[in-house]
Amino acid sequence: MKMTVTEFDGDQAICETENRETVQVPRSRLPRAATIGDWLEWRGRSIRILRDETNNRRQEIDGLMDELFED
């Protein structure tokens, strides 16, 4: 399952799945480097950060923000 970290609430990470469902994951289950906006892959007992997908999405969002706030 793929999901993105949308926020942290105490010891829980609030994530949104590809299907736009919200799931709570204990923060201790995430990689230490995980931050809000990271795209993750959860397979079995393993959760890893998908760096390329995260970077691509951030660039896409930055581009949209630039278009939105053009002078």
N, C-alpha and C. Protein backbone atom coordinates (compact mmCIF):
# COMPACT_ATOMS: atom_id res chain seq x y z
N MET A 1 0.85 -1.17 0.00
CA MET A 1 0.00 0.00 0.00
C MET A 1 0.90 1.24 0.00
N LYS A 2 0.53 2.21 -0.81
CA LYS A 2 1.25 3.48 -0.82
C LYS A 2 0.41 4.52 -0.09
N MET A 3 1.12 5.42 0.61
CA MET A 3 0.44 6.47 1.38
C MET A 3 1.38 7.63 1.58
N THR A 4 0.81 8.77 1.92
CA THR A 4 1.61 9.95 2.21
C THR A 4 1.33 10.42 3.63
N VAL A 5 2.35 10.92 4.29
CA VAL A 5 2.21 11.42 5.65
C VAL A 5 1.58 12.81 5.56
N THR A 6 0.43 13.00 6.19
CA THR A 6 -0.24 14.30 6.15
C THR A 6 -0.02 15.10 7.42
N GLU A 7 0.17 14.41 8.54
CA GLU A 7 0.43 15.11 9.81
C GLU A 7 0.86 14.12 10.87
N PHE A 8 1.38 14.67 11.95
CA PHE A 8 1.71 13.87 13.13
C PHE A 8 0.83 14.34 14.27
N ASP A 9 0.32 13.40 15.03
CA ASP A 9 -0.52 13.69 16.20
C ASP A 9 0.01 12.86 17.35
N GLY A 10 0.87 13.48 18.15
CA GLY A 10 1.49 12.75 19.25
C GLY A 10 2.36 11.64 18.71
N ASP A 11 2.07 10.42 19.12
CA ASP A 11 2.88 9.29 18.68
C ASP A 11 2.28 8.58 17.46
N GLN A 12 1.34 9.24 16.80
CA GLN A 12 0.70 8.68 15.61
C GLN A 12 1.03 9.52 14.37
N ALA A 13 1.19 8.84 13.25
CA ALA A 13 1.31 9.50 11.96
C ALA A 13 -0.03 9.34 11.26
N ILE A 14 -0.59 10.44 10.80
CA ILE A 14 -1.83 10.40 10.05
C ILE A 14 -1.43 10.37 8.58
N CYS A 15 -1.89 9.35 7.86
CA CYS A 15 -1.49 9.16 6.47
C CYS A 15 -2.72 9.03 5.59
N GLU A 16 -2.55 9.40 4.32
CA GLU A 16 -3.61 9.23 3.34
C GLU A 16 -3.14 8.24 2.30
N THR A 17 -3.96 7.23 2.04
CA THR A 17 -3.61 6.20 1.07
C THR A 17 -3.90 6.68 -0.35
N GLU A 18 -3.47 5.89 -1.32
CA GLU A 18 -3.74 6.18 -2.73
C GLU A 18 -5.25 6.28 -2.98
N ASN A 19 -6.03 5.55 -2.20
CA ASN A 19 -7.49 5.54 -2.35
C ASN A 19 -8.16 6.65 -1.54
N ARG A 20 -7.34 7.57 -1.03
CA ARG A 20 -7.81 8.73 -0.26
C ARG A 20 -8.45 8.33 1.08
N GLU A 21 -8.06 7.19 1.60
CA GLU A 21 -8.49 6.77 2.93
C GLU A 21 -7.47 7.23 3.95
N THR A 22 -7.91 7.59 5.13
CA THR A 22 -7.02 8.02 6.20
C THR A 22 -6.71 6.85 7.11
N VAL A 23 -5.42 6.67 7.39
CA VAL A 23 -4.99 5.62 8.31
C VAL A 23 -4.04 6.22 9.34
N GLN A 24 -4.07 5.69 10.54
CA GLN A 24 -3.14 6.09 11.58
C GLN A 24 -2.11 4.99 11.74
N VAL A 25 -0.87 5.41 11.78
CA VAL A 25 0.24 4.47 11.91
C VAL A 25 1.08 4.93 13.09
N PRO A 26 1.43 4.03 14.00
CA PRO A 26 2.33 4.44 15.08
C PRO A 26 3.60 5.05 14.49
N ARG A 27 3.96 6.20 14.99
CA ARG A 27 5.14 6.90 14.48
C ARG A 27 6.39 6.03 14.57
N SER A 28 6.43 5.16 15.56
CA SER A 28 7.59 4.28 15.75
C SER A 28 7.73 3.27 14.61
N ARG A 29 6.68 3.04 13.82
CA ARG A 29 6.74 2.10 12.69
C ARG A 29 7.35 2.73 11.44
N LEU A 30 7.38 4.09 11.40
CA LEU A 30 7.90 4.79 10.23
C LEU A 30 9.42 4.88 10.29
N PRO A 31 10.05 5.03 9.13
CA PRO A 31 11.49 5.31 9.15
C PRO A 31 11.74 6.61 9.92
N ARG A 32 12.83 6.69 10.64
CA ARG A 32 13.15 7.89 11.44
C ARG A 32 13.12 9.18 10.62
N ALA A 33 13.54 9.11 9.37
CA ALA A 33 13.64 10.30 8.53
C ALA A 33 12.30 10.75 7.94
N ALA A 34 11.23 10.00 8.16
CA ALA A 34 9.93 10.35 7.57
C ALA A 34 9.42 11.69 8.07
N THR A 35 8.96 12.51 7.13
CA THR A 35 8.41 13.82 7.45
C THR A 35 7.07 14.00 6.73
N ILE A 36 6.37 15.06 7.09
CA ILE A 36 5.10 15.37 6.43
C ILE A 36 5.35 15.57 4.94
N GLY A 37 4.52 14.95 4.13
CA GLY A 37 4.65 15.04 2.69
C GLY A 37 5.38 13.88 2.05
N ASP A 38 6.05 13.07 2.85
CA ASP A 38 6.76 11.91 2.30
C ASP A 38 5.77 10.88 1.78
N TRP A 39 6.12 10.30 0.65
CA TRP A 39 5.35 9.22 0.07
C TRP A 39 5.97 7.92 0.55
N LEU A 40 5.15 7.03 1.10
CA LEU A 40 5.63 5.80 1.72
C LEU A 40 5.05 4.57 1.04
N GLU A 41 5.76 3.47 1.16
CA GLU A 41 5.24 2.19 0.72
C GLU A 41 5.24 1.25 1.92
N TRP A 42 4.08 0.67 2.20
CA TRP A 42 3.92 -0.23 3.34
C TRP A 42 3.68 -1.62 2.77
N ARG A 43 4.66 -2.51 2.99
CA ARG A 43 4.55 -3.90 2.55
C ARG A 43 4.79 -4.80 3.74
N GLY A 44 3.76 -5.54 4.11
CA GLY A 44 3.90 -6.45 5.25
C GLY A 44 4.27 -5.69 6.51
N ARG A 45 5.43 -5.97 7.05
CA ARG A 45 5.88 -5.32 8.28
C ARG A 45 6.83 -4.16 8.01
N SER A 46 7.09 -3.88 6.73
CA SER A 46 8.09 -2.89 6.36
C SER A 46 7.43 -1.63 5.76
N ILE A 47 7.91 -0.47 6.19
CA ILE A 47 7.49 0.80 5.62
C ILE A 47 8.75 1.53 5.18
N ARG A 48 8.76 1.95 3.91
CA ARG A 48 9.94 2.67 3.43
C ARG A 48 9.51 3.95 2.73
N ILE A 49 10.42 4.93 2.73
CA ILE A 49 10.17 6.21 2.06
C ILE A 49 10.48 6.04 0.58
N LEU A 50 9.57 6.49 -0.25
CA LEU A 50 9.78 6.47 -1.70
C LEU A 50 10.31 7.85 -2.10
N ARG A 51 11.63 7.99 -2.04
CA ARG A 51 12.28 9.29 -2.26
C ARG A 51 11.99 9.88 -3.63
N ASP A 52 12.08 9.08 -4.69
CA ASP A 52 11.84 9.62 -6.03
C ASP A 52 10.41 10.13 -6.17
N GLU A 53 9.44 9.36 -5.72
CA GLU A 53 8.05 9.79 -5.80
C GLU A 53 7.80 11.02 -4.95
N THR A 54 8.39 11.06 -3.76
CA THR A 54 8.24 12.23 -2.89
C THR A 54 8.81 13.46 -3.58
N ASN A 55 10.01 13.36 -4.13
CA ASN A 55 10.64 14.50 -4.80
C ASN A 55 9.84 14.95 -6.02
N ASN A 56 9.33 13.99 -6.80
CA ASN A 56 8.52 14.33 -7.98
C ASN A 56 7.26 15.07 -7.58
N ARG A 57 6.60 14.63 -6.55
CA ARG A 57 5.37 15.28 -6.10
C ARG A 57 5.66 16.68 -5.55
N ARG A 58 6.75 16.83 -4.83
CA ARG A 58 7.11 18.15 -4.31
C ARG A 58 7.40 19.12 -5.44
N GLN A 59 8.10 18.66 -6.48
CA GLN A 59 8.38 19.52 -7.64
C GLN A 59 7.09 19.90 -8.36
N GLU A 60 6.19 18.95 -8.49
CA GLU A 60 4.90 19.21 -9.14
C GLU A 60 4.11 20.26 -8.34
N ILE A 61 4.08 20.11 -7.04
CA ILE A 61 3.35 21.05 -6.19
C ILE A 61 4.01 22.43 -6.24
N ASP A 62 5.34 22.47 -6.21
CA ASP A 62 6.05 23.75 -6.31
C ASP A 62 5.70 24.46 -7.62
N GLY A 63 5.64 23.70 -8.71
CA GLY A 63 5.28 24.27 -10.00
C GLY A 63 3.87 24.83 -10.00
N LEU A 64 2.94 24.11 -9.40
CA LEU A 64 1.55 24.58 -9.31
C LEU A 64 1.46 25.82 -8.46
N MET A 65 2.22 25.87 -7.37
CA MET A 65 2.22 27.05 -6.50
C MET A 65 2.79 28.25 -7.23
N ASP A 66 3.85 28.04 -8.02
CA ASP A 66 4.43 29.13 -8.80
C ASP A 66 3.43 29.70 -9.79
N GLU A 67 2.67 28.81 -10.46
CA GLU A 67 1.64 29.25 -11.40
C GLU A 67 0.54 30.02 -10.70
N LEU A 68 0.15 29.54 -9.53
CA LEU A 68 -0.94 30.15 -8.79
C LEU A 68 -0.59 31.55 -8.31
N PHE A 69 0.66 31.74 -7.90
CA PHE A 69 1.06 33.01 -7.31
C PHE A 69 1.93 33.85 -8.25
N GLU A 70 1.75 33.68 -9.57
CA GLU A 70 2.48 34.52 -10.52
C GLU A 70 2.03 35.96 -10.37
N ASP A 71 2.99 36.87 -10.63
CA ASP A 71 2.63 38.30 -10.57
C ASP A 71 2.01 38.76 -11.85
